[in-house]
Amino acid sequence: MSIRVYVPKDSTALSLGAEEVALEIKKLAGDNVEIVRNGSRGMFWLEPLVEVVTPQGRIGYGPVQVSDVKGLLEAGLLEGKAHALCVGNPEEIPYLKTQQRLTFKRVGIVNPTSVEDYVAHGGYAGLKNALKMTPAQIVQTVTDSGLRGRGGAAFPTGIKWKTVLDQTATQKYVTCNADEGDSGTFADRMLMEGDPLTLVEGMTIAGIAVGATMGYVYLRVEYPEAIDTLNQAIQAAYKAGYLGEDICGSGHRFDLKIRVAAGAYVCGEETSMLQSLEGLRGEVRVRPPLPAIKGLFGKPTIVNNVISLASVPVILEKGADFYKNFGVGRSMGTVPLQLAGNIKFGGLVERAFGLTLREAIYDYGGGTASGRDVRTIQVGGPLGAYIPPAHFDTAIDYEALSAAGALLGHGGIVVFDDTVDMAKMARYAFEFCAIESCGKCTPCRVGSTRGANVIDAMLNGHEFDSQRQLLDELCETMIQGSLCGLGGMVPFPVTSALKYFPEDFKPRHRPQ
């Protein structure tokens, strides 16, 4: 009987040599091993993390390079024996052991494209419970769980679903926005590469809940591994009877397809995504009507992101009370935080809401990779506010971050040390918006370019005080006048940088 060895096929692991490591193990160990390509557990400093199944459980080794393989095999890798790269049982590593993984509980553990493996680890239990319920009961369960959108606006998921359920239409849709474009975020990709059937199950439950028979995953072209893995998982679900015209013999139908996106940041906004799905230019639609009433092809449509939909199976499996007992206040359940930037231990951390920023940065992240002091962090992507150390004890929940002038967004935390130039970072927000704007509204299209010009004038010492006043007025115009969050949120990083790091905006040149 061959020994099972897990080698990740997650994009991060591949970028660090996982493919070559897998081939080398197969070459040297031959028929003695069965290599399973799993997802990453999210401890990126250990990638490629090779795990071997032993009578004592799974034993991990990492980071493994091709040059290490021969020595590892000679030292007893296949028996889980001691070696300098041995990390023991990965689940006992403090970084993982102290997490509360609900949505990511199978990531790094299962074969991502195997329905049999998925079911053996508790998969499809939520769908089977949902098939015993009425659509209204499913929607009520999601509502009672307190699940809110994990993409940015944090809108209650159950309210969206109830609105779609209440519409009378011959066709309804479920759409998943997997156009993960925020800097420092990778949770969607990790889940689609490591446990895509969780997303498939969540979308299937959503379809049954609201009477939708068709679903689309809008997945960016920059994620080729996610596209391939998710496609394989969808085909496996069809073959096993979990998708198609008669799901598990229930009489319910739900079909699912992937649509590959071109990578426009603005298509992370739900109406722009719908435009693109219809084959049109990705531009923001004026609301109302809401997508839940008139969405894809003019039909009632659920629009949720990957983590929102992938959180649904555990809610239907364990119940609303189980899920809402995680978290604090109105921020219920768990949140996958993505630690990136200048950080020692970058990776994914899933914890209940209420963890502080300081705990995330230092207890999990270990501080900066450079060893210098943390000067600031940016939470919520390229349009998120910059937060100084004085506010690191802020709890990670929607209301607490909002009170601090920030937002959680998709849960990305990007760390900067004390060498960062905050004026350049503020200018970059405008530059980014100018590139990514769909151009439909004037505040975003023109304001982004003017904002960069104003900051340049400030740094060059041209009428600094009047330029500063002009920048404040411009930011207010963008907040109040932009059609969507792209233009409306650009002022967040700008104003926070000005507020907490005003010294970086002092003139650097004599005016001509």
Protein backbone atom coordinates (compact mmCIF):
# COMPACT_ATOMS: atom_id res chain seq x y z
CA MET A 1 0.00 0.00 0.00
CA SER A 2 1.43 3.37 -1.04
CA ILE A 3 2.03 6.16 1.45
CA ARG A 4 0.01 9.32 0.96
CA VAL A 5 1.99 12.54 0.66
CA TYR A 6 0.33 15.96 0.37
CA VAL A 7 2.03 18.69 -1.68
CA PRO A 8 0.06 21.95 -2.14
CA LYS A 9 -1.02 23.19 -5.54
CA ASP A 10 -2.01 26.56 -4.12
CA SER A 11 -0.67 29.49 -6.17
CA THR A 12 1.57 30.69 -3.34
CA ALA A 13 3.10 27.24 -2.90
CA LEU A 14 3.57 26.92 -6.66
CA SER A 15 5.38 30.24 -6.80
CA LEU A 16 7.77 28.88 -4.17
CA GLY A 17 8.53 25.65 -6.03
CA ALA A 18 5.82 23.17 -4.98
CA GLU A 19 5.41 21.71 -8.48
CA GLU A 20 9.10 20.86 -8.73
CA VAL A 21 9.05 19.39 -5.21
CA ALA A 22 6.10 17.14 -6.05
CA LEU A 23 7.82 15.87 -9.21
CA GLU A 24 11.06 15.21 -7.33
CA ILE A 25 9.30 13.22 -4.59
CA LYS A 26 7.52 11.12 -7.21
CA LYS A 27 10.74 10.60 -9.13
CA LEU A 28 12.76 9.44 -6.11
CA ALA A 29 10.05 7.60 -4.19
CA GLY A 30 8.28 6.08 -7.19
CA ASP A 31 5.38 3.72 -6.50
CA ASN A 32 5.92 4.00 -2.76
CA VAL A 33 3.91 7.23 -2.66
CA GLU A 34 0.51 8.59 -3.66
CA ILE A 35 0.90 12.32 -4.10
CA VAL A 36 -2.21 14.39 -3.37
CA ARG A 37 -2.21 18.02 -4.48
CA ASN A 38 -4.02 19.87 -1.71
CA GLY A 39 -4.47 23.55 -0.90
CA SER A 40 -2.26 25.63 1.37
CA ARG A 41 -3.06 25.78 5.07
CA GLY A 42 -2.18 29.49 4.90
CA MET A 43 1.22 29.50 6.66
CA PHE A 44 3.06 30.91 3.68
CA TRP A 45 6.48 31.12 5.34
CA LEU A 46 6.43 27.29 5.47
CA GLU A 47 5.54 26.77 1.82
CA PRO A 48 6.03 24.42 0.14
CA LEU A 49 4.70 22.46 3.15
CA VAL A 50 4.89 18.74 2.48
CA GLU A 51 2.77 16.47 4.68
CA VAL A 52 2.95 12.70 5.00
CA VAL A 53 0.21 10.49 6.47
CA THR A 54 1.57 8.28 9.26
CA PRO A 55 -0.08 6.06 11.90
CA GLN A 56 0.39 9.00 14.29
CA GLY A 57 -1.38 11.42 11.92
CA ARG A 58 -0.09 13.92 9.37
CA ILE A 59 3.47 15.14 9.82
CA GLY A 60 4.63 18.29 8.04
CA TYR A 61 7.96 19.40 6.61
CA GLY A 62 8.66 22.90 5.35
CA PRO A 63 9.69 24.95 3.60
CA VAL A 64 10.87 22.16 1.27
CA GLN A 65 12.96 22.86 -1.81
CA VAL A 66 13.88 20.39 -4.55
CA SER A 67 17.39 20.14 -3.15
CA ASP A 68 15.93 18.98 0.20
CA VAL A 69 13.91 16.05 -1.14
CA LYS A 70 16.66 13.42 -1.36
CA GLY A 71 17.87 14.13 2.17
CA LEU A 72 14.33 14.10 3.52
CA LEU A 73 13.61 10.70 1.99
CA GLU A 74 16.88 9.32 3.32
CA ALA A 75 16.04 10.66 6.79
CA GLY A 76 12.66 8.91 6.78
CA LEU A 77 10.18 11.43 5.35
CA LEU A 78 7.73 8.65 4.44
CA GLU A 79 7.70 7.44 8.04
CA GLY A 80 7.37 10.94 9.49
CA LYS A 81 10.80 10.83 11.11
CA ALA A 82 12.78 13.72 12.54
CA HIS A 83 14.50 16.26 10.30
CA ALA A 84 15.51 19.91 10.56
CA LEU A 85 12.51 20.82 8.35
CA CYS A 86 10.01 18.77 10.37
CA VAL A 87 7.25 20.91 11.94
CA GLY A 88 5.31 17.99 13.44
CA ASN A 89 1.53 17.92 13.19
CA PRO A 90 0.69 21.16 11.33
CA GLU A 91 -2.51 21.58 13.33
CA GLU A 92 -0.45 21.83 16.53
CA ILE A 93 1.52 24.83 15.22
CA PRO A 94 0.33 27.78 17.38
CA TYR A 95 -0.50 29.86 14.29
CA LEU A 96 -3.11 27.25 13.29
CA LYS A 97 -4.04 25.81 16.68
CA THR A 98 -5.42 29.09 18.01
CA GLN A 99 -7.57 29.79 14.95
CA GLN A 100 -11.32 29.15 14.72
CA ARG A 101 -11.71 27.77 11.24
CA LEU A 102 -15.28 27.33 10.07
CA THR A 103 -15.20 28.43 6.43
CA PHE A 104 -11.60 27.24 5.96
CA LYS A 105 -11.84 24.09 8.09
CA ARG A 106 -11.06 21.76 5.15
CA VAL A 107 -8.54 23.94 3.31
CA GLY A 108 -5.16 22.24 3.24
CA ILE A 109 -6.68 19.00 4.48
CA VAL A 110 -8.76 17.61 1.60
CA ASN A 111 -8.19 16.84 -2.05
CA PRO A 112 -9.87 19.95 -3.53
CA THR A 113 -11.49 18.16 -6.50
CA SER A 114 -12.69 15.00 -4.74
CA VAL A 115 -16.37 14.88 -3.77
CA GLU A 116 -15.70 11.68 -1.83
CA ASP A 117 -13.02 13.38 0.27
CA TYR A 118 -15.22 16.46 0.73
CA VAL A 119 -18.14 14.37 2.02
CA ALA A 120 -15.82 12.33 4.27
CA HIS A 121 -14.81 15.60 5.98
CA GLY A 122 -18.38 16.82 6.56
CA GLY A 123 -19.08 18.36 3.17
CA TYR A 124 -22.63 18.58 1.80
CA ALA A 125 -24.13 18.12 5.29
CA GLY A 126 -25.47 21.68 5.00
CA LEU A 127 -27.07 21.03 1.60
CA LYS A 128 -28.69 17.83 2.85
CA ASN A 129 -30.22 19.75 5.75
CA ALA A 130 -31.36 22.50 3.37
CA LEU A 131 -33.16 19.97 1.16
CA LYS A 132 -35.36 19.08 4.15
CA MET A 133 -36.38 22.72 4.64
CA THR A 134 -38.61 25.16 2.79
CA PRO A 135 -36.94 28.04 0.92
CA ALA A 136 -38.25 30.48 3.53
CA GLN A 137 -36.76 28.38 6.34
CA ILE A 138 -33.35 28.35 4.65
CA VAL A 139 -33.42 32.13 4.21
CA GLN A 140 -34.53 32.60 7.83
CA THR A 141 -31.66 30.42 9.06
CA VAL A 142 -29.14 32.52 7.15
CA THR A 143 -30.80 35.70 8.46
CA ASP A 144 -30.76 34.45 12.06
CA SER A 145 -27.08 33.53 11.81
CA GLY A 146 -26.19 37.21 11.41
CA LEU A 147 -24.02 36.52 8.34
CA ARG A 148 -23.05 39.77 6.64
CA GLY A 149 -21.33 40.27 3.31
CA ARG A 150 -17.64 39.51 3.60
CA GLY A 151 -16.73 41.66 0.63
CA GLY A 152 -16.95 45.26 1.76
CA ALA A 153 -20.35 46.74 2.53
CA ALA A 154 -21.14 44.10 5.19
CA PHE A 155 -24.80 44.04 4.16
CA PRO A 156 -26.85 41.29 5.88
CA THR A 157 -26.88 38.27 3.57
CA GLY A 158 -30.30 37.08 4.71
CA ILE A 159 -31.95 40.36 3.68
CA LYS A 160 -30.52 40.06 0.16
CA TRP A 161 -31.77 36.50 -0.12
CA LYS A 162 -35.23 37.37 1.27
CA THR A 163 -35.59 40.15 -1.33
CA VAL A 164 -34.80 37.72 -4.16
CA LEU A 165 -37.07 35.04 -2.69
CA ASP A 166 -40.01 37.48 -2.57
CA GLN A 167 -39.74 38.33 -6.28
CA THR A 168 -41.98 36.61 -8.79
CA ALA A 169 -39.97 35.69 -11.87
CA THR A 170 -39.58 32.84 -14.35
CA GLN A 171 -35.78 32.98 -13.91
CA LYS A 172 -33.56 33.96 -11.00
CA TYR A 173 -29.79 33.85 -10.65
CA VAL A 174 -27.09 33.34 -8.04
CA THR A 175 -23.85 35.15 -8.83
CA CYS A 176 -20.55 34.92 -6.98
CA ASN A 177 -18.16 37.84 -7.24
CA ALA A 178 -14.74 36.15 -7.18
CA ASP A 179 -13.03 39.19 -8.75
CA GLU A 180 -10.71 39.47 -5.74
CA GLY A 181 -8.79 42.66 -6.50
CA ASP A 182 -7.86 44.28 -3.18
CA SER A 183 -4.16 44.49 -2.45
CA GLY A 184 -3.09 42.03 0.22
CA THR A 185 -6.12 39.75 -0.19
CA PHE A 186 -6.06 36.11 -1.19
CA ALA A 187 -8.78 34.35 0.86
CA ASP A 188 -11.05 33.82 -2.16
CA ARG A 189 -8.22 32.33 -4.18
CA MET A 190 -7.09 30.12 -1.30
CA LEU A 191 -10.58 28.71 -0.82
CA MET A 192 -11.22 28.11 -4.52
CA GLU A 193 -7.86 26.37 -4.85
CA GLY A 194 -8.06 24.47 -1.56
CA ASP A 195 -11.75 23.66 -0.97
CA PRO A 196 -13.84 24.81 -3.96
CA LEU A 197 -16.73 22.47 -3.18
CA THR A 198 -17.57 24.63 -0.15
CA LEU A 199 -18.32 27.47 -2.58
CA VAL A 200 -20.23 25.13 -4.90
CA GLU A 201 -22.31 23.88 -1.97
CA GLY A 202 -22.99 27.41 -0.70
CA MET A 203 -24.18 28.58 -4.13
CA THR A 204 -26.38 25.49 -4.50
CA ILE A 205 -28.02 26.19 -1.14
CA ALA A 206 -28.55 29.81 -2.19
CA GLY A 207 -30.22 28.71 -5.44
CA ILE A 208 -32.60 26.36 -3.64
CA ALA A 209 -33.35 29.05 -1.04
CA VAL A 210 -34.54 31.67 -3.53
CA GLY A 211 -35.73 29.55 -6.46
CA ALA A 212 -32.75 30.25 -8.73
CA THR A 213 -31.74 27.50 -11.15
CA MET A 214 -28.59 29.07 -12.59
CA GLY A 215 -25.41 30.32 -10.97
CA TYR A 216 -22.28 32.05 -12.24
CA VAL A 217 -18.86 32.48 -10.63
CA TYR A 218 -17.20 35.65 -11.90
CA LEU A 219 -13.54 34.70 -11.53
CA ARG A 220 -10.59 36.87 -12.56
CA VAL A 221 -8.25 35.68 -15.31
CA GLU A 222 -5.20 36.22 -13.06
CA TYR A 223 -6.24 33.13 -11.08
CA PRO A 224 -5.56 30.26 -13.53
CA GLU A 225 -5.10 27.64 -10.80
CA ALA A 226 -8.39 28.65 -9.17
CA ILE A 227 -10.18 28.49 -12.53
CA ASP A 228 -8.82 25.01 -13.22
CA THR A 229 -9.49 23.63 -9.73
CA LEU A 230 -12.99 25.09 -9.49
CA ASN A 231 -13.89 23.75 -12.94
CA GLN A 232 -12.77 20.27 -11.90
CA ALA A 233 -14.77 20.53 -8.68
CA ILE A 234 -17.91 21.63 -10.54
CA GLN A 235 -17.64 18.69 -12.94
CA ALA A 236 -17.13 16.31 -10.01
CA ALA A 237 -20.25 17.74 -8.31
CA TYR A 238 -22.30 17.16 -11.47
CA LYS A 239 -21.04 13.59 -11.74
CA ALA A 240 -21.91 12.88 -8.10
CA GLY A 241 -25.42 14.34 -8.42
CA TYR A 242 -24.86 17.50 -6.37
CA LEU A 243 -25.46 19.77 -9.37
CA GLY A 244 -27.84 19.46 -12.31
CA GLU A 245 -31.50 18.82 -12.86
CA ASP A 246 -32.25 16.59 -9.85
CA ILE A 247 -29.94 17.38 -6.93
CA CYS A 248 -29.67 14.35 -4.65
CA GLY A 249 -33.02 13.11 -6.01
CA SER A 250 -34.81 16.15 -4.55
CA GLY A 251 -36.30 17.47 -7.78
CA HIS A 252 -34.39 20.74 -7.34
CA ARG A 253 -32.27 21.96 -10.23
CA PHE A 254 -29.19 24.12 -10.05
CA ASP A 255 -26.55 24.61 -12.73
CA LEU A 256 -23.24 26.37 -12.25
CA LYS A 257 -20.74 27.93 -14.64
CA ILE A 258 -17.56 30.00 -14.43
CA ARG A 259 -17.20 33.25 -16.32
CA VAL A 260 -13.62 34.51 -16.58
CA ALA A 261 -13.18 38.21 -15.83
CA ALA A 262 -10.58 40.49 -17.41
CA GLY A 263 -9.33 41.84 -14.09
CA ALA A 264 -10.95 45.28 -13.89
CA TYR A 265 -10.98 46.45 -10.26
CA VAL A 266 -14.27 48.29 -10.72
CA CYS A 267 -15.97 44.98 -11.51
CA GLY A 268 -15.63 44.12 -7.85
CA GLU A 269 -18.65 46.43 -7.50
CA GLU A 270 -21.76 44.31 -7.93
CA THR A 271 -23.52 46.20 -10.72
CA SER A 272 -20.31 46.53 -12.75
CA MET A 273 -19.86 42.79 -12.39
CA LEU A 274 -23.39 42.19 -13.68
CA GLN A 275 -22.70 44.43 -16.67
CA SER A 276 -19.60 42.40 -17.46
CA LEU A 277 -21.44 39.09 -17.04
CA GLU A 278 -23.91 40.29 -19.64
CA GLY A 279 -21.05 40.92 -22.07
CA LEU A 280 -21.15 44.69 -21.67
CA ARG A 281 -18.50 47.19 -20.61
CA GLY A 282 -17.92 47.03 -16.86
CA GLU A 283 -19.62 50.21 -15.68
CA VAL A 284 -21.53 51.01 -12.52
CA ARG A 285 -25.31 50.99 -12.79
CA VAL A 286 -27.44 53.61 -11.10
CA ARG A 287 -29.51 52.16 -8.26
CA PRO A 288 -32.43 51.61 -7.76
CA PRO A 289 -33.42 49.11 -8.96
CA LEU A 290 -31.35 46.82 -6.77
CA PRO A 291 -29.82 43.67 -8.28
CA ALA A 292 -32.01 41.60 -5.95
CA ILE A 293 -35.01 42.94 -7.88
CA LYS A 294 -33.56 43.58 -11.32
CA GLY A 295 -30.08 42.14 -11.67
CA LEU A 296 -28.48 39.83 -14.24
CA PHE A 297 -30.36 40.08 -17.56
CA GLY A 298 -33.01 42.07 -15.69
CA LYS A 299 -33.91 39.16 -13.38
CA PRO A 300 -33.80 38.91 -9.56
CA THR A 301 -30.22 38.08 -8.63
CA ILE A 302 -28.23 37.19 -5.53
CA VAL A 303 -24.82 38.86 -5.59
CA ASN A 304 -22.45 37.65 -2.88
CA ASN A 305 -18.71 37.19 -2.72
CA VAL A 306 -16.81 33.92 -2.25
CA ILE A 307 -16.44 33.99 1.53
CA SER A 308 -20.08 34.97 2.11
CA LEU A 309 -21.34 32.02 0.05
CA ALA A 310 -18.72 29.63 1.43
CA SER A 311 -19.87 30.49 4.98
CA VAL A 312 -23.38 29.21 4.26
CA PRO A 313 -22.73 25.42 4.39
CA VAL A 314 -21.56 25.45 8.02
CA ILE A 315 -24.58 27.58 8.98
CA LEU A 316 -26.98 25.06 7.45
CA GLU A 317 -25.00 22.17 8.91
CA LYS A 318 -24.63 23.46 12.49
CA GLY A 319 -27.51 25.95 12.71
CA ALA A 320 -27.84 29.70 13.09
CA ASP A 321 -27.23 29.68 16.85
CA PHE A 322 -23.92 27.85 16.45
CA TYR A 323 -22.64 30.40 13.95
CA LYS A 324 -23.81 33.58 15.65
CA ASN A 325 -22.20 32.54 18.93
CA PHE A 326 -18.88 33.39 17.30
CA GLY A 327 -18.06 37.10 17.14
CA VAL A 328 -19.11 40.25 18.97
CA GLY A 329 -22.08 42.62 18.75
CA ARG A 330 -23.52 42.77 15.25
CA SER A 331 -20.38 41.20 13.78
CA MET A 332 -21.23 37.52 14.03
CA GLY A 333 -19.32 34.46 12.92
CA THR A 334 -15.70 34.32 11.83
CA VAL A 335 -13.62 36.38 9.43
CA PRO A 336 -10.64 35.23 7.33
CA LEU A 337 -7.92 37.83 7.81
CA GLN A 338 -5.13 38.01 5.27
CA LEU A 339 -1.78 39.22 6.63
CA ALA A 340 0.46 40.70 3.95
CA GLY A 341 3.02 43.40 3.21
CA ASN A 342 6.08 43.85 5.41
CA ILE A 343 5.20 41.05 7.85
CA LYS A 344 7.22 38.17 9.23
CA PHE A 345 4.54 35.47 9.12
CA GLY A 346 2.23 36.31 6.25
CA GLY A 347 -0.79 34.12 5.68
CA LEU A 348 -4.43 33.50 6.47
CA VAL A 349 -5.98 33.66 9.92
CA GLU A 350 -9.63 32.77 10.50
CA ARG A 351 -10.89 33.95 13.86
CA ALA A 352 -14.15 35.09 15.38
CA PHE A 353 -14.79 38.82 15.17
CA GLY A 354 -13.37 40.64 18.18
CA LEU A 355 -9.67 39.90 17.73
CA THR A 356 -7.69 43.15 17.91
CA LEU A 357 -5.51 44.52 15.14
CA ARG A 358 -2.53 44.25 17.49
CA GLU A 359 -3.15 40.56 18.08
CA ALA A 360 -3.40 39.93 14.34
CA ILE A 361 -0.21 41.85 13.51
CA TYR A 362 2.00 40.64 16.36
CA ASP A 363 0.57 37.43 17.85
CA TYR A 364 -0.01 35.90 14.42
CA GLY A 365 2.08 38.02 12.05
CA GLY A 366 5.14 38.37 14.29
CA GLY A 367 5.65 42.04 13.41
CA THR A 368 7.56 43.25 10.38
CA ALA A 369 9.73 41.05 8.18
CA SER A 370 12.34 43.83 8.17
CA GLY A 371 12.55 43.88 11.97
CA ARG A 372 11.78 47.62 12.03
CA ASP A 373 8.87 49.22 13.85
CA VAL A 374 5.40 49.04 12.34
CA ARG A 375 4.46 52.56 11.29
CA THR A 376 1.00 51.88 9.91
CA ILE A 377 -1.29 49.23 8.49
CA GLN A 378 -3.88 49.49 5.75
CA VAL A 379 -7.04 47.49 6.33
CA GLY A 380 -9.60 46.87 3.60
CA GLY A 381 -7.60 47.03 0.39
CA PRO A 382 -6.11 49.93 -1.60
CA LEU A 383 -9.04 52.17 -0.65
CA GLY A 384 -8.87 51.36 3.06
CA ALA A 385 -7.75 53.79 5.73
CA TYR A 386 -4.25 53.83 7.18
CA ILE A 387 -4.28 53.03 10.88
CA PRO A 388 -1.43 54.12 13.22
CA PRO A 389 -0.11 52.07 16.18
CA ALA A 390 -2.14 54.17 18.63
CA HIS A 391 -5.27 52.47 17.27
CA PHE A 392 -3.95 48.89 17.06
CA ASP A 393 -6.09 47.85 20.04
CA THR A 394 -9.22 48.41 17.93
CA ALA A 395 -11.28 45.24 17.69
CA ILE A 396 -11.71 43.70 14.28
CA ASP A 397 -15.43 44.10 13.83
CA TYR A 398 -17.46 46.21 11.46
CA GLU A 399 -18.71 48.76 13.98
CA ALA A 400 -15.44 49.21 15.89
CA LEU A 401 -13.45 49.78 12.71
CA SER A 402 -16.08 52.17 11.39
CA ALA A 403 -15.90 54.18 14.61
CA ALA A 404 -12.14 54.42 14.07
CA GLY A 405 -12.68 55.82 10.56
CA ALA A 406 -11.74 52.57 8.84
CA LEU A 407 -13.44 49.60 7.23
CA LEU A 408 -12.81 45.88 7.20
CA GLY A 409 -13.53 45.29 3.52
CA HIS A 410 -12.35 41.86 2.42
CA GLY A 411 -10.20 41.38 5.51
CA GLY A 412 -6.80 42.25 4.06
CA ILE A 413 -4.23 43.73 6.47
CA VAL A 414 -1.13 45.20 4.79
CA VAL A 415 1.75 46.14 7.10
CA PHE A 416 4.27 48.96 6.55
CA ASP A 417 7.40 49.67 8.57
CA ASP A 418 8.83 53.07 9.51
CA THR A 419 10.48 53.62 6.12
CA VAL A 420 7.18 54.14 4.30
CA ASP A 421 6.46 57.53 2.70
CA MET A 422 2.81 58.23 3.48
CA ALA A 423 2.51 61.12 1.01
CA LYS A 424 3.44 58.69 -1.76
CA MET A 425 0.91 56.18 -0.45
CA ALA A 426 -1.83 58.83 -0.43
CA ARG A 427 -0.92 59.86 -3.97
CA TYR A 428 -1.03 56.21 -5.04
CA ALA A 429 -4.68 55.99 -3.99
CA PHE A 430 -5.56 58.68 -6.54
CA GLU A 431 -3.30 57.15 -9.17
CA PHE A 432 -4.88 53.73 -8.65
CA CYS A 433 -8.37 55.18 -8.95
CA ALA A 434 -7.47 57.03 -12.16
CA ILE A 435 -6.32 53.77 -13.73
CA GLU A 436 -9.21 51.62 -12.50
CA SER A 437 -12.12 54.05 -12.80
CA CYS A 438 -14.84 53.00 -15.25
CA GLY A 439 -15.13 56.70 -16.14
CA LYS A 440 -18.89 56.93 -15.80
CA CYS A 441 -19.04 59.62 -13.10
CA THR A 442 -17.12 62.88 -12.99
CA PRO A 443 -16.07 62.88 -9.30
CA CYS A 444 -14.19 59.61 -9.75
CA ARG A 445 -12.93 60.10 -13.31
CA VAL A 446 -11.70 63.68 -12.89
CA GLY A 447 -11.22 63.79 -9.12
CA SER A 448 -8.67 60.98 -9.12
CA THR A 449 -6.39 62.77 -11.58
CA ARG A 450 -6.83 66.16 -9.90
CA GLY A 451 -6.09 64.61 -6.51
CA ALA A 452 -2.68 63.35 -7.66
CA ASN A 453 -1.92 66.79 -9.11
CA VAL A 454 -2.86 68.54 -5.86
CA ILE A 455 -0.61 66.29 -3.77
CA ASP A 456 2.25 66.96 -6.22
CA ALA A 457 1.67 70.69 -5.79
CA MET A 458 1.68 70.36 -1.98
CA LEU A 459 4.97 68.44 -2.00
CA ASN A 460 6.50 71.02 -4.33
CA GLY A 461 5.52 73.84 -1.98
CA HIS A 462 3.09 75.57 -4.34
CA GLU A 463 0.62 77.46 -2.11
CA PHE A 464 0.59 74.63 0.42
CA ASP A 465 -2.30 75.86 2.59
CA SER A 466 -4.66 76.55 -0.31
CA GLN A 467 -3.74 73.22 -1.93
CA ARG A 468 -4.48 71.44 1.34
CA GLN A 469 -7.91 73.09 1.49
CA LEU A 470 -8.52 72.15 -2.13
CA LEU A 471 -7.62 68.53 -1.35
CA ASP A 472 -10.13 68.44 1.53
CA GLU A 473 -12.87 69.81 -0.74
CA LEU A 474 -11.99 67.37 -3.50
CA CYS A 475 -12.18 64.41 -1.12
CA GLU A 476 -15.59 65.52 0.13
CA THR A 477 -16.84 65.85 -3.46
CA MET A 478 -15.66 62.33 -4.27
CA ILE A 479 -17.31 60.87 -1.17
CA GLN A 480 -20.64 62.58 -1.80
CA GLY A 481 -20.77 62.49 -5.59
CA SER A 482 -19.27 59.20 -6.78
CA LEU A 483 -21.65 56.56 -8.10
CA CYS A 484 -19.87 53.68 -6.34
CA GLY A 485 -17.29 52.89 -3.70
CA LEU A 486 -14.29 53.22 -6.02
CA GLY A 487 -14.40 57.01 -6.15
CA GLY A 488 -16.24 57.29 -2.86
CA MET A 489 -13.58 55.47 -0.87
CA VAL A 490 -10.39 56.91 -2.38
CA PRO A 491 -10.47 59.71 0.24
CA PHE A 492 -10.16 57.14 3.08
CA PRO A 493 -6.43 56.41 2.60
CA VAL A 494 -5.77 60.05 1.66
CA THR A 495 -7.44 61.70 4.64
CA SER A 496 -6.11 59.11 7.12
CA ALA A 497 -2.56 59.62 5.86
CA LEU A 498 -2.97 63.40 6.21
CA LYS A 499 -4.48 63.04 9.69
CA TYR A 500 -1.94 60.69 11.23
CA PHE A 501 1.21 61.46 9.24
CA PRO A 502 1.04 65.19 8.34
CA GLU A 503 4.84 65.51 8.51
CA ASP A 504 5.16 63.43 5.31
CA PHE A 505 3.27 66.08 3.34
CA LYS A 506 5.59 68.97 4.11
CA PRO A 507 7.00 70.68 1.00
CA ARG A 508 10.13 68.97 -0.27
CA HIS A 509 11.22 71.53 -2.87
CA ARG A 510 11.39 75.29 -3.10
CA PRO A 511 8.59 76.67 -5.26
CA GLN A 512 9.83 77.84 -8.66
